[in-house]
Amino acid sequence: MAEIISLANQKGGVGKTTTAINLAWALACLDQEVLVVDIDPQSNATSGLGVSLGEGDKNVYDLLSGRARAHEAVKQTANEWLDVLPASHDLAGAEVELVGLDGREMVLKNALAPLDEMYKFIFIDCPPSLGLLTVNALAASDSVITPIQCEYYAMEGLAYFTETVSKIKSFINPALTVDGGILTMYDSRINLSNQVREEVAKYYGARIYKTPVPRNVRLAEAPSFGQTIFAYDPASRGAQAYFELAMEFLVRRGANPKQFEGLKSYIGGEDEDFDFGG
């Protein structure tokens, strides 16, 4: 049975999609069967994984509107362990169409049910809002991860977001848990980054991920080439951070840390047995 994890934050530009695609890719490189569900009308996770839709191709919009079943919309990426359920710009109209439906908060959960046995992890990349699409994602999820940019304004609204998650847990999805926060665009040389880290720790405590994602130009460049950081520049600091984040993610879920010994040497091609699959 797959664990479904939403990557959500009401603020845009915090590295949410970057985290979704690169964490998913890193886990796939560790032989985990992963699906990324793109429910952001901007469809950045779709393009960032190198997937483009042709005319007539099914996508998440067709899934939510009942015009397609989940397996008809799934696309394989360049990594054989990683698939994507792509989005299109038509998804912008889905919230309006869902409003009048009974059980509108559960449409995505019901649509993903047939895929439950096919993957180990399903990541949902949410839009930067707390609208009906994000509510659907949280209603379908077992847990939520919040990427948080290391800037002052990124802290604004965090309390409101955590309150919203709490309400969804109370009224819609009692099984929803807060997996934690991931610090993005982190620079230890800047006092503000360390201050934000301290403030985020007040919300998440021990649940904050110990591996921050550094501010890295290569991470910002990779999506414009339709690639994850692992295909674009596997020797970069960004790639190393997401690989270490993937290992921390698995250790949280019971993996033995010793099984990852030696894998960190992959940076620069030192580990000949490690394959990024793309």
Protein backbone atom coordinates (compact mmCIF):
# COMPACT_ATOMS: atom_id res chain seq x y z
CA MET A 1 0.00 0.00 0.00
CA ALA A 2 1.42 3.37 -1.04
CA GLU A 3 2.08 6.20 1.37
CA ILE A 4 0.62 9.38 -0.10
CA ILE A 5 2.48 12.58 0.76
CA SER A 6 1.41 16.10 -0.16
CA LEU A 7 4.04 18.77 -0.77
CA ALA A 8 2.08 21.84 0.23
CA ASN A 9 2.57 25.47 1.15
CA GLN A 10 0.15 28.31 0.45
CA LYS A 11 3.07 30.56 -0.50
CA GLY A 12 4.58 30.29 -3.96
CA GLY A 13 8.26 30.22 -4.83
CA VAL A 14 9.36 28.20 -1.80
CA GLY A 15 10.81 25.24 -3.70
CA LYS A 16 7.77 23.03 -3.43
CA THR A 17 7.85 21.64 -6.97
CA THR A 18 11.64 21.47 -6.95
CA THR A 19 11.41 19.36 -3.81
CA ALA A 20 8.63 17.17 -5.19
CA ILE A 21 10.45 16.16 -8.37
CA ASN A 22 13.97 15.88 -6.95
CA LEU A 23 13.02 14.02 -3.79
CA ALA A 24 10.91 11.65 -5.88
CA TRP A 25 13.75 11.09 -8.35
CA ALA A 26 16.28 10.46 -5.59
CA LEU A 27 13.96 7.90 -3.98
CA ALA A 28 13.49 6.22 -7.36
CA CYS A 29 17.26 5.99 -7.65
CA LEU A 30 17.15 4.14 -4.34
CA ASP A 31 14.85 1.55 -5.94
CA GLN A 32 11.61 2.93 -4.53
CA GLU A 33 8.57 2.84 -6.81
CA VAL A 34 7.36 6.45 -6.88
CA LEU A 35 4.56 8.41 -8.51
CA VAL A 36 4.37 12.21 -8.68
CA VAL A 37 0.85 13.62 -8.98
CA ASP A 38 0.87 17.14 -10.40
CA ILE A 39 -2.26 19.03 -9.36
CA ASP A 40 -0.87 22.52 -9.95
CA PRO A 41 -2.38 24.11 -13.10
CA GLN A 42 1.06 25.56 -13.85
CA SER A 43 2.14 21.93 -14.47
CA ASN A 44 5.74 22.62 -13.48
CA ALA A 45 6.26 19.18 -11.95
CA THR A 46 5.17 17.63 -15.24
CA SER A 47 7.58 19.63 -17.38
CA GLY A 48 10.31 19.41 -14.74
CA LEU A 49 10.25 15.63 -15.05
CA GLY A 50 10.66 15.90 -18.81
CA VAL A 51 7.08 14.94 -19.67
CA SER A 52 5.08 16.79 -22.31
CA LEU A 53 1.48 16.08 -23.21
CA GLY A 54 0.37 15.45 -26.75
CA GLU A 55 -3.06 16.15 -28.15
CA GLY A 56 -5.59 13.83 -26.54
CA ASP A 57 -3.25 12.68 -23.76
CA LYS A 58 -5.07 12.17 -20.48
CA ASN A 59 -4.03 14.13 -17.41
CA VAL A 60 -5.11 14.95 -13.86
CA TYR A 61 -7.88 17.22 -15.13
CA ASP A 62 -9.46 14.27 -16.97
CA LEU A 63 -9.09 12.20 -13.82
CA LEU A 64 -10.85 14.72 -11.57
CA SER A 65 -13.60 15.35 -14.11
CA GLY A 66 -14.30 11.64 -14.49
CA ARG A 67 -13.20 11.47 -18.13
CA ALA A 68 -10.32 9.08 -17.46
CA ARG A 69 -9.14 6.49 -14.98
CA ALA A 70 -5.85 6.86 -13.17
CA HIS A 71 -3.86 4.25 -15.13
CA GLU A 72 -4.86 5.92 -18.42
CA ALA A 73 -3.20 9.19 -17.38
CA VAL A 74 0.05 7.92 -15.83
CA LYS A 75 3.21 8.67 -17.82
CA GLN A 76 6.64 7.12 -17.31
CA THR A 77 9.64 9.39 -16.84
CA ALA A 78 13.23 8.73 -17.91
CA ASN A 79 13.65 6.88 -14.60
CA GLU A 80 12.03 3.45 -14.76
CA TRP A 81 11.13 3.62 -11.05
CA LEU A 82 9.36 6.98 -11.34
CA ASP A 83 6.05 7.83 -13.00
CA VAL A 84 4.07 11.06 -13.15
CA LEU A 85 0.37 11.80 -13.30
CA PRO A 86 0.68 14.99 -15.37
CA ALA A 87 -1.22 18.25 -15.19
CA SER A 88 -2.37 20.62 -17.88
CA HIS A 89 -3.49 24.24 -17.80
CA ASP A 90 -7.09 22.98 -18.06
CA LEU A 91 -6.75 22.05 -14.41
CA ALA A 92 -7.37 25.71 -13.54
CA GLY A 93 -11.05 25.11 -14.20
CA ALA A 94 -11.27 22.01 -12.02
CA GLU A 95 -11.89 23.90 -8.78
CA VAL A 96 -14.95 25.61 -10.28
CA GLU A 97 -16.28 22.31 -11.59
CA LEU A 98 -15.72 20.51 -8.28
CA VAL A 99 -17.57 23.07 -6.17
CA GLY A 100 -21.00 21.72 -6.98
CA LEU A 101 -20.17 18.05 -6.44
CA ASP A 102 -21.15 16.02 -3.40
CA GLY A 103 -18.02 14.78 -1.64
CA ARG A 104 -15.92 17.24 -3.64
CA GLU A 105 -13.05 17.02 -1.13
CA MET A 106 -12.65 13.28 -1.80
CA VAL A 107 -12.54 13.23 -5.61
CA LEU A 108 -8.75 12.90 -5.85
CA LYS A 109 -8.59 10.28 -3.08
CA ASN A 110 -11.13 8.11 -4.89
CA ALA A 111 -9.41 8.61 -8.24
CA LEU A 112 -6.00 7.54 -6.90
CA ALA A 113 -7.31 4.44 -5.11
CA PRO A 114 -6.64 2.06 -8.06
CA LEU A 115 -2.92 3.00 -7.96
CA ASP A 116 -2.49 2.18 -4.29
CA GLU A 117 -0.75 -1.17 -4.81
CA MET A 118 1.48 0.00 -7.67
CA TYR A 119 3.78 2.36 -5.77
CA LYS A 120 5.66 2.67 -2.51
CA PHE A 121 5.27 6.45 -2.37
CA ILE A 122 2.91 8.87 -4.09
CA PHE A 123 3.89 12.56 -3.92
CA ILE A 124 1.26 15.20 -4.67
CA ASP A 125 2.64 18.55 -5.83
CA CYS A 126 0.05 21.09 -4.72
CA PRO A 127 -0.66 24.58 -6.09
CA PRO A 128 0.43 27.56 -3.96
CA SER A 129 -2.97 28.12 -2.40
CA LEU A 130 -5.39 26.57 0.05
CA GLY A 131 -8.12 26.09 -2.53
CA LEU A 132 -10.12 22.99 -3.36
CA LEU A 133 -7.27 21.30 -5.23
CA THR A 134 -5.01 21.50 -2.18
CA VAL A 135 -7.86 20.37 0.08
CA ASN A 136 -8.33 17.35 -2.22
CA ALA A 137 -4.62 16.58 -1.96
CA LEU A 138 -4.62 16.76 1.84
CA ALA A 139 -7.80 14.69 2.03
CA ALA A 140 -6.11 11.99 -0.06
CA SER A 141 -2.81 12.05 1.85
CA ASP A 142 -1.34 10.11 4.73
CA SER A 143 1.07 12.94 5.51
CA VAL A 144 2.09 16.44 4.46
CA ILE A 145 5.55 17.94 3.99
CA THR A 146 5.96 21.72 3.86
CA PRO A 147 8.93 23.20 1.99
CA ILE A 148 9.82 26.55 3.59
CA GLN A 149 12.04 29.15 1.96
CA CYS A 150 14.65 30.68 4.26
CA GLU A 151 13.34 34.22 3.98
CA TYR A 152 11.29 36.37 6.32
CA TYR A 153 8.11 36.47 4.24
CA ALA A 154 8.12 32.68 3.97
CA MET A 155 7.32 32.57 7.67
CA GLU A 156 4.19 34.65 7.22
CA GLY A 157 1.17 32.41 6.91
CA LEU A 158 2.91 29.31 8.25
CA ALA A 159 0.74 29.38 11.39
CA TYR A 160 -2.37 29.75 9.22
CA PHE A 161 -1.30 26.86 7.02
CA THR A 162 -0.67 24.55 9.98
CA GLU A 163 -4.09 25.56 11.35
CA THR A 164 -5.69 24.64 8.04
CA VAL A 165 -3.97 21.25 8.07
CA SER A 166 -5.28 20.73 11.60
CA LYS A 167 -8.84 21.51 10.48
CA ILE A 168 -8.61 19.09 7.57
CA LYS A 169 -7.38 16.45 9.99
CA SER A 170 -10.29 17.15 12.32
CA PHE A 171 -13.11 17.31 9.79
CA ILE A 172 -12.04 15.49 6.61
CA ASN A 173 -9.01 13.24 7.05
CA PRO A 174 -8.37 12.05 10.63
CA ALA A 175 -5.42 9.92 9.45
CA LEU A 176 -3.47 12.92 8.13
CA THR A 177 -0.14 13.52 9.88
CA VAL A 178 2.39 16.34 9.60
CA ASP A 179 5.60 14.72 8.42
CA GLY A 180 7.60 17.89 8.83
CA GLY A 181 9.14 20.93 7.21
CA ILE A 182 12.02 21.12 4.72
CA LEU A 183 14.15 24.25 4.62
CA THR A 184 14.89 25.39 1.07
CA MET A 185 17.23 28.04 -0.39
CA TYR A 186 19.26 27.75 2.79
CA ASP A 187 22.56 29.58 3.25
CA SER A 188 24.25 28.98 6.60
CA ARG A 189 26.40 32.10 6.10
CA ILE A 190 23.33 34.34 6.30
CA ASN A 191 21.91 35.08 9.73
CA LEU A 192 18.37 35.19 8.36
CA SER A 193 18.57 31.55 7.22
CA ASN A 194 19.54 30.47 10.71
CA GLN A 195 16.81 32.64 12.25
CA VAL A 196 14.19 31.11 9.98
CA ARG A 197 15.47 27.65 10.90
CA GLU A 198 14.96 28.44 14.59
CA GLU A 199 11.46 29.79 13.97
CA VAL A 200 10.44 26.79 11.85
CA ALA A 201 11.70 24.50 14.61
CA LYS A 202 9.11 26.09 16.91
CA TYR A 203 6.35 24.77 14.63
CA TYR A 204 7.81 21.39 13.78
CA GLY A 205 10.19 20.53 16.60
CA ALA A 206 11.94 17.24 15.90
CA ARG A 207 9.87 16.83 12.74
CA ILE A 208 11.89 19.42 10.84
CA TYR A 209 14.16 17.66 8.35
CA LYS A 210 17.80 17.90 9.36
CA THR A 211 18.91 18.17 5.72
CA PRO A 212 18.34 21.70 4.37
CA VAL A 213 18.33 22.35 0.64
CA PRO A 214 20.97 24.98 -0.18
CA ARG A 215 20.51 28.00 -2.39
CA ASN A 216 21.90 26.60 -5.63
CA VAL A 217 21.87 28.10 -9.13
CA ARG A 218 21.90 24.66 -10.77
CA LEU A 219 18.65 23.75 -9.01
CA ALA A 220 17.02 26.84 -10.48
CA GLU A 221 18.34 26.12 -13.98
CA ALA A 222 17.40 22.44 -14.24
CA PRO A 223 13.61 22.81 -14.82
CA SER A 224 14.15 25.02 -17.88
CA PHE A 225 15.78 21.98 -19.50
CA GLY A 226 12.96 19.63 -18.42
CA GLN A 227 15.32 17.84 -16.06
CA THR A 228 15.75 17.09 -12.39
CA ILE A 229 18.97 18.19 -10.77
CA PHE A 230 20.25 14.61 -11.01
CA ALA A 231 20.17 14.64 -14.80
CA TYR A 232 21.22 18.28 -15.14
CA ASP A 233 24.12 18.40 -12.68
CA PRO A 234 24.49 15.32 -10.46
CA ALA A 235 27.69 16.71 -8.94
CA SER A 236 26.01 19.87 -7.61
CA ARG A 237 25.33 20.74 -3.99
CA GLY A 238 21.63 20.67 -4.77
CA ALA A 239 21.80 17.08 -5.99
CA GLN A 240 23.72 15.99 -2.92
CA ALA A 241 21.19 17.69 -0.63
CA TYR A 242 18.20 15.98 -2.23
CA PHE A 243 19.93 12.62 -2.19
CA GLU A 244 20.68 13.01 1.52
CA LEU A 245 17.11 14.20 2.06
CA ALA A 246 15.82 11.04 0.39
CA MET A 247 17.91 8.91 2.73
CA GLU A 248 16.63 10.84 5.75
CA PHE A 249 13.08 10.41 4.43
CA LEU A 250 13.53 6.63 4.28
CA VAL A 251 15.21 6.42 7.69
CA ARG A 252 12.17 8.17 9.16
CA ARG A 253 10.13 5.33 7.72
CA GLY A 254 12.19 2.59 9.31
CA ALA A 255 15.07 2.11 6.88
CA ASN A 256 18.39 1.12 8.42
CA PRO A 257 20.87 4.01 8.06
CA LYS A 258 23.68 1.49 7.55
CA GLN A 259 22.26 0.44 4.21
CA PHE A 260 23.15 3.88 2.85
CA GLU A 261 26.78 3.81 3.95
CA GLY A 262 29.03 4.51 1.00
CA LEU A 263 26.28 5.88 -1.23
CA LYS A 264 27.13 9.51 -0.48
CA SER A 265 30.31 9.06 -2.49
CA TYR A 266 28.26 9.09 -5.68
CA ILE A 267 28.90 12.84 -6.08
CA GLY A 268 31.43 13.27 -8.86
CA GLY A 269 30.95 9.69 -10.04
CA GLU A 270 32.98 8.04 -7.32
CA ASP A 271 30.44 5.27 -6.83
CA GLU A 272 30.37 3.37 -10.11
CA ASP A 273 27.50 1.16 -8.97
CA PHE A 274 25.12 4.07 -8.45
CA ASP A 275 22.89 4.95 -11.39
CA PHE A 276 20.73 8.07 -11.61
CA GLY A 277 18.59 6.47 -14.28
CA GLY A 278 18.44 9.45 -16.57
